[in-house]
Amino acid sequence: MDVRFDLDPSVTPELRDGICALWADVSNAGGAVGFVPPVTREDIRPDLLKHLTAMAEGRERLVVGRDGDGRVLATAFLTLNSHRLMRHWLWVYTVMVHPSLQGQGAGRALMTAVADSARGIDGVTALRLTCRGGTGVRRFYEACGYKEVGRVPGAIKVADGDFRDDITMWLELA
């Protein structure tokens, strides 16, 4: 696995399309990133545009992982808090690694890049994210140093009769 991580890359059409393709691939492989398969890139595009708008407005930052050819293989969005009492921590959203890299350390490398990027942002001391219960990803985040700090049972509906817990995870950066 040879993935290079960058914070705040230039948003080019290739990057935009690469993130969109990654998001569709991850969703269609069963990844819990806001969609239930099957999805198309066009299904994903409106959500991606919201992230890109927030980046352009300075409310979000992007950590992206690419291979030597520039292909997007991993992403995570860091969302700054606007509330004056919560500016010391960031939300982490849309954490994705291409399905072909599962089990090869790319996810751990992405989460290390996310934490390292956040440490470089003035005043940030912690990260917060949520994950969908029933996927096993909580254990992954715990292995990356996050701890479960909250859970809302059945808050996520993925299908009729299929409700999952919404799990909140926290990482101290100190």
Foldseek 3Di string as FASTA:
>chain_A
DAKDKDKADDDDPQNLVLVLVQLQQCQQVPHFAPAHDDDDSVNVNVVSVVLVVCVVVVQKMKMFIAHPVRRTFWIWIWGADPDPVGRQETEIHRTGGRPVCPPVCPSLVSLVVVLVVQVPDPNHFKYKYKDWPPPPCQVVVVVSVKDWDDKDAQPDDRDVVDGTIITMIMHTSD
